[in-house]
Amino acid sequence: MVDHRELFEDVTADLARAGFDTDRGPSGLRIDQGPQGVLIGWPPSDGDAAEPPPAEGIRTAVTGAVATVLRESGYLVTAAGPDELLVTADPARAAAQDARAARAAQGAQDAQDADGREPAGVPEQWWG
């Protein structure tokens, strides 16, 4: 299985910022790594569970809201089964994040250079 740990952490953080309960527990929403990306859905109903699973209409509504939040955050979201989603990284989103990181690094370097010191990595020039 491919390790999607970073994607899993990003998806979980984005859902938490949107107000979803992402902790394992009474909410019932399950977020796991799958072979192609992150799977979000509902655990199978357990007859011995202290809390009954949410009704089908609630599961459908929450699943739809999760899909909307993640699509607006720039992920690719597809149905992976009834009330289950497969979330993958959008290559364009990843490229945009890489470009932002490069601009931020360049901005930090420019700020360091602006304080009057010679930029790092510039060779000395010797005149004869």
C-alpha atoms as a PDB file:
ATOM      1  CA  MET A   1       0.000   0.000   0.000  1.00  0.00           C
ATOM      2  CA  VAL A   2       1.237   3.499  -0.834  1.00  0.00           C
ATOM      3  CA  ASP A   3       1.831   5.728   2.201  1.00  0.00           C
ATOM      4  CA  HIS A   4      -0.550   8.673   2.074  1.00  0.00           C
ATOM      5  CA  ARG A   5       0.333   9.977   5.555  1.00  0.00           C
ATOM      6  CA  GLU A   6       0.868  13.603   4.485  1.00  0.00           C
ATOM      7  CA  LEU A   7      -2.366  13.629   2.471  1.00  0.00           C
ATOM      8  CA  PHE A   8      -4.167  12.035   5.428  1.00  0.00           C
ATOM      9  CA  GLU A   9      -2.835  14.717   7.797  1.00  0.00           C
ATOM     10  CA  ASP A  10      -3.738  17.546   5.386  1.00  0.00           C
ATOM     11  CA  VAL A  11      -7.269  16.215   4.815  1.00  0.00           C
ATOM     12  CA  THR A  12      -7.824  15.705   8.542  1.00  0.00           C
ATOM     13  CA  ALA A  13      -6.566  19.230   9.329  1.00  0.00           C
ATOM     14  CA  ASP A  14      -8.774  20.789   6.626  1.00  0.00           C
ATOM     15  CA  LEU A  15     -11.841  18.966   7.944  1.00  0.00           C
ATOM     16  CA  ALA A  16     -11.046  19.972  11.534  1.00  0.00           C
ATOM     17  CA  ARG A  17     -10.687  23.641  10.450  1.00  0.00           C
ATOM     18  CA  ALA A  18     -14.108  23.355   8.808  1.00  0.00           C
ATOM     19  CA  GLY A  19     -15.593  22.191  12.118  1.00  0.00           C
ATOM     20  CA  PHE A  20     -15.831  18.433  11.607  1.00  0.00           C
ATOM     21  CA  ASP A  21     -15.059  16.120  14.514  1.00  0.00           C
ATOM     22  CA  THR A  22     -12.082  14.210  13.148  1.00  0.00           C
ATOM     23  CA  ASP A  23     -11.225  12.279  16.317  1.00  0.00           C
ATOM     24  CA  ARG A  24     -12.137   8.647  16.504  1.00  0.00           C
ATOM     25  CA  GLY A  25     -15.126   8.481  18.750  1.00  0.00           C
ATOM     26  CA  PRO A  26     -18.807   9.293  18.936  1.00  0.00           C
ATOM     27  CA  SER A  27     -19.044  11.265  15.679  1.00  0.00           C
ATOM     28  CA  GLY A  28     -18.712   8.032  13.744  1.00  0.00           C
ATOM     29  CA  LEU A  29     -16.982   9.642  10.772  1.00  0.00           C
ATOM     30  CA  ARG A  30     -14.003   7.471   9.809  1.00  0.00           C
ATOM     31  CA  ILE A  31     -10.901   8.843   8.056  1.00  0.00           C
ATOM     32  CA  ASP A  32      -8.357   6.228   6.935  1.00  0.00           C
ATOM     33  CA  GLN A  33      -5.531   5.778   4.464  1.00  0.00           C
ATOM     34  CA  GLY A  34      -6.392   3.609   1.494  1.00  0.00           C
ATOM     35  CA  PRO A  35      -4.321   2.223  -1.374  1.00  0.00           C
ATOM     36  CA  GLN A  36      -5.163   5.143  -3.704  1.00  0.00           C
ATOM     37  CA  GLY A  37      -5.641   7.978  -1.202  1.00  0.00           C
ATOM     38  CA  VAL A  38      -7.657   8.843   1.892  1.00  0.00           C
ATOM     39  CA  LEU A  39     -10.968   7.095   2.529  1.00  0.00           C
ATOM     40  CA  ILE A  40     -13.698   8.896   4.429  1.00  0.00           C
ATOM     41  CA  GLY A  41     -16.864   7.136   5.414  1.00  0.00           C
ATOM     42  CA  TRP A  42     -18.732   5.428   8.191  1.00  0.00           C
ATOM     43  CA  PRO A  43     -17.686   2.332  10.103  1.00  0.00           C
ATOM     44  CA  PRO A  44     -19.886  -0.727   9.731  1.00  0.00           C
ATOM     45  CA  SER A  45     -22.704  -0.733  12.262  1.00  0.00           C
ATOM     46  CA  ASP A  46     -21.867  -2.725  15.343  1.00  0.00           C
ATOM     47  CA  GLY A  47     -24.785  -4.114  17.300  1.00  0.00           C
ATOM     48  CA  ASP A  48     -22.792  -3.811  20.524  1.00  0.00           C
ATOM     49  CA  ALA A  49     -21.886  -0.134  20.019  1.00  0.00           C
ATOM     50  CA  ALA A  50     -22.834   2.254  22.819  1.00  0.00           C
ATOM     51  CA  GLU A  51     -24.078   4.796  20.281  1.00  0.00           C
ATOM     52  CA  PRO A  52     -26.199   3.744  17.302  1.00  0.00           C
ATOM     53  CA  PRO A  53     -24.878   4.827  13.900  1.00  0.00           C
ATOM     54  CA  PRO A  54     -26.374   8.001  12.435  1.00  0.00           C
ATOM     55  CA  ALA A  55     -29.460   7.622  10.270  1.00  0.00           C
ATOM     56  CA  GLU A  56     -28.936   7.218   6.530  1.00  0.00           C
ATOM     57  CA  GLY A  57     -30.091  10.772   5.780  1.00  0.00           C
ATOM     58  CA  ILE A  58     -27.621  12.229   8.264  1.00  0.00           C
ATOM     59  CA  ARG A  59     -24.772  10.120   6.874  1.00  0.00           C
ATOM     60  CA  THR A  60     -25.624  11.263   3.340  1.00  0.00           C
ATOM     61  CA  ALA A  61     -25.769  14.932   4.378  1.00  0.00           C
ATOM     62  CA  VAL A  62     -22.477  14.795   6.292  1.00  0.00           C
ATOM     63  CA  THR A  63     -20.751  12.902   3.478  1.00  0.00           C
ATOM     64  CA  GLY A  64     -21.924  15.560   1.005  1.00  0.00           C
ATOM     65  CA  ALA A  65     -20.702  18.369   3.260  1.00  0.00           C
ATOM     66  CA  VAL A  66     -17.317  16.674   3.659  1.00  0.00           C
ATOM     67  CA  ALA A  67     -17.019  16.320  -0.133  1.00  0.00           C
ATOM     68  CA  THR A  68     -17.864  19.995  -0.637  1.00  0.00           C
ATOM     69  CA  VAL A  69     -15.320  21.198   1.939  1.00  0.00           C
ATOM     70  CA  LEU A  70     -12.563  19.038   0.484  1.00  0.00           C
ATOM     71  CA  ARG A  71     -13.288  20.027  -3.124  1.00  0.00           C
ATOM     72  CA  GLU A  72     -13.212  23.697  -2.110  1.00  0.00           C
ATOM     73  CA  SER A  73      -9.866  22.988  -0.417  1.00  0.00           C
ATOM     74  CA  GLY A  74      -8.509  21.718  -3.739  1.00  0.00           C
ATOM     75  CA  TYR A  75      -8.679  17.943  -3.399  1.00  0.00           C
ATOM     76  CA  LEU A  76     -10.068  15.496  -5.916  1.00  0.00           C
ATOM     77  CA  VAL A  77     -13.037  13.713  -4.313  1.00  0.00           C
ATOM     78  CA  THR A  78     -14.841  10.706  -5.787  1.00  0.00           C
ATOM     79  CA  ALA A  79     -17.422   8.262  -4.477  1.00  0.00           C
ATOM     80  CA  ALA A  80     -15.878   5.018  -3.255  1.00  0.00           C
ATOM     81  CA  GLY A  81     -19.091   3.312  -2.180  1.00  0.00           C
ATOM     82  CA  PRO A  82     -22.309   4.211  -0.435  1.00  0.00           C
ATOM     83  CA  ASP A  83     -21.572   7.126   1.898  1.00  0.00           C
ATOM     84  CA  GLU A  84     -17.815   6.703   1.352  1.00  0.00           C
ATOM     85  CA  LEU A  85     -15.382   9.054  -0.377  1.00  0.00           C
ATOM     86  CA  LEU A  86     -11.933   8.649  -1.885  1.00  0.00           C
ATOM     87  CA  VAL A  87      -9.804  11.784  -1.550  1.00  0.00           C
ATOM     88  CA  THR A  88      -6.674  12.257  -3.649  1.00  0.00           C
ATOM     89  CA  ALA A  89      -4.314  15.154  -4.128  1.00  0.00           C
ATOM     90  CA  ASP A  90      -4.941  17.336  -7.140  1.00  0.00           C
ATOM     91  CA  PRO A  91      -1.644  17.615  -9.067  1.00  0.00           C
ATOM     92  CA  ALA A  92      -2.418  21.268  -9.836  1.00  0.00           C
ATOM     93  CA  ARG A  93      -2.926  21.965  -6.112  1.00  0.00           C
ATOM     94  CA  ALA A  94       0.389  20.280  -5.271  1.00  0.00           C
ATOM     95  CA  ALA A  95       2.180  22.317  -7.954  1.00  0.00           C
ATOM     96  CA  ALA A  96       0.634  25.524  -6.615  1.00  0.00           C
ATOM     97  CA  GLN A  97       1.759  24.655  -3.060  1.00  0.00           C
ATOM     98  CA  ASP A  98       5.282  23.957  -4.320  1.00  0.00           C
ATOM     99  CA  ALA A  99       5.327  27.292  -6.153  1.00  0.00           C
ATOM    100  CA  ARG A 100       4.117  29.139  -3.012  1.00  0.00           C
ATOM    101  CA  ALA A 101       6.827  27.436  -0.939  1.00  0.00           C
ATOM    102  CA  ALA A 102       9.484  28.413  -3.490  1.00  0.00           C
ATOM    103  CA  ARG A 103       8.268  32.044  -3.508  1.00  0.00           C
ATOM    104  CA  ALA A 104       8.303  32.113   0.297  1.00  0.00           C
ATOM    105  CA  ALA A 105      11.843  30.731   0.371  1.00  0.00           C
ATOM    106  CA  GLN A 106      12.960  33.291  -2.205  1.00  0.00           C
ATOM    107  CA  GLY A 107      11.275  36.076  -0.235  1.00  0.00           C
ATOM    108  CA  ALA A 108      13.123  35.002   2.911  1.00  0.00           C
ATOM    109  CA  GLN A 109      16.397  34.984   0.987  1.00  0.00           C
ATOM    110  CA  ASP A 110      15.668  38.428  -0.485  1.00  0.00           C
ATOM    111  CA  ALA A 111      14.904  39.802   2.987  1.00  0.00           C
ATOM    112  CA  GLN A 112      18.165  38.391   4.305  1.00  0.00           C
ATOM    113  CA  ASP A 113      20.056  39.891   1.362  1.00  0.00           C
ATOM    114  CA  ALA A 114      18.431  43.300   1.892  1.00  0.00           C
ATOM    115  CA  ASP A 115      20.078  43.769   5.288  1.00  0.00           C
ATOM    116  CA  GLY A 116      23.324  44.736   3.574  1.00  0.00           C
ATOM    117  CA  ARG A 117      25.166  41.480   3.777  1.00  0.00           C
ATOM    118  CA  GLU A 118      26.410  39.781   0.687  1.00  0.00           C
ATOM    119  CA  PRO A 119      23.979  37.045  -0.411  1.00  0.00           C
ATOM    120  CA  ALA A 120      25.028  33.549   0.521  1.00  0.00           C
ATOM    121  CA  GLY A 121      26.386  31.504  -2.321  1.00  0.00           C
ATOM    122  CA  VAL A 122      27.828  34.404  -4.320  1.00  0.00           C
ATOM    123  CA  PRO A 123      31.523  33.760  -5.033  1.00  0.00           C
ATOM    124  CA  GLU A 124      34.088  36.380  -4.260  1.00  0.00           C
ATOM    125  CA  GLN A 125      35.435  38.234  -7.235  1.00  0.00           C
ATOM    126  CA  TRP A 126      39.130  38.756  -7.531  1.00  0.00           C
ATOM    127  CA  TRP A 127      40.396  41.506  -9.753  1.00  0.00           C
ATOM    128  CA  GLY A 128      43.958  41.285 -10.942  1.00  0.00           C
END
